[in-house]
Amino acid sequence: MARFLIVLGIILVVAGLLWPVLSRIGIGRLPGDIVIEREGFRLYIPIMTSLLISAVLSLVLWFLNR
C-alpha cells in the first residue's frame, strides 16, 4: 500500500508540473468532452479526457505491478 501511495503521489506531482504543457497540446479539450456555454454559465464535462487519463494510469500501474 505504501508503494502505491508513493507512486500515486509522484504521478500527481508530474501531472501537475506538466499540466501547462499538456493543455497547450490539447489535453483537456478533446473531441468527446462536453462543453455548454451560456451567458454567465459554463459547464465542462471531460469525458474523453477522463478516459484517456484512466487508460494511461492503468497501463502505468500495470507495468509497475509486473
Protein backbone atom coordinates (compact mmCIF):
# COMPACT_ATOMS: atom_id res chain seq x y z
CA MET A 1 0.00 0.00 0.00
CA ALA A 2 2.85 2.39 0.81
CA ARG A 3 4.44 1.80 -2.60
CA PHE A 4 1.11 2.51 -4.32
CA LEU A 5 0.67 5.79 -2.44
CA ILE A 6 4.22 6.89 -3.26
CA VAL A 7 3.73 6.12 -6.96
CA LEU A 8 0.36 7.89 -6.96
CA GLY A 9 1.94 10.95 -5.36
CA ILE A 10 4.75 11.01 -7.92
CA ILE A 11 2.23 10.69 -10.77
CA LEU A 12 0.18 13.59 -9.38
CA VAL A 13 3.26 15.80 -8.99
CA VAL A 14 4.42 15.03 -12.54
CA ALA A 15 0.92 15.66 -13.92
CA GLY A 16 0.78 18.97 -12.05
CA LEU A 17 4.13 20.05 -13.43
CA LEU A 18 3.24 19.01 -16.98
CA TRP A 19 -0.30 20.45 -16.95
CA PRO A 20 0.63 23.74 -18.73
CA VAL A 21 2.36 21.74 -21.48
CA LEU A 22 -0.49 19.23 -21.75
CA SER A 23 -3.11 21.97 -22.01
CA ARG A 24 -1.21 23.56 -24.91
CA ILE A 25 -1.25 20.31 -26.91
CA GLY A 26 -4.97 19.77 -26.37
CA ILE A 27 -5.32 17.53 -23.33
CA GLY A 28 -8.40 18.79 -21.55
CA ARG A 29 -10.21 19.83 -24.73
CA LEU A 30 -10.50 16.57 -26.63
CA PRO A 31 -13.32 15.65 -29.01
CA GLY A 32 -15.95 14.00 -26.85
CA ASP A 33 -15.57 16.44 -23.97
CA ILE A 34 -18.87 18.20 -23.36
CA VAL A 35 -18.82 21.99 -23.05
CA ILE A 36 -22.01 24.00 -22.56
CA GLU A 37 -21.53 27.76 -22.50
CA ARG A 38 -24.30 30.24 -21.84
CA GLU A 39 -24.28 33.79 -20.62
CA GLY A 40 -22.79 33.71 -17.13
CA PHE A 41 -22.66 29.89 -17.08
CA ARG A 42 -20.15 27.29 -18.21
CA LEU A 43 -20.41 23.52 -17.81
CA TYR A 44 -17.46 21.33 -18.73
CA ILE A 45 -17.65 17.53 -18.59
CA PRO A 46 -14.30 15.98 -19.65
CA ILE A 47 -15.47 12.50 -20.71
CA MET A 48 -12.74 11.68 -23.26
CA THR A 49 -10.01 13.33 -21.20
CA SER A 50 -11.01 11.19 -18.21
CA LEU A 51 -10.99 8.02 -20.33
CA LEU A 52 -7.55 8.85 -21.72
CA ILE A 53 -6.08 9.59 -18.30
CA SER A 54 -7.63 6.41 -16.90
CA ALA A 55 -6.14 4.29 -19.69
CA VAL A 56 -2.67 5.80 -19.25
CA LEU A 57 -2.74 5.36 -15.47
CA SER A 58 -3.97 1.78 -15.87
CA LEU A 59 -1.05 1.00 -18.18
CA VAL A 60 1.48 2.63 -15.86
CA LEU A 61 0.19 0.77 -12.81
CA TRP A 62 0.02 -2.49 -14.76
CA PHE A 63 3.70 -2.11 -15.74
CA LEU A 64 4.67 -1.27 -12.16
CA ASN A 65 2.96 -4.39 -10.81
CA ARG A 66 4.70 -6.74 -13.27
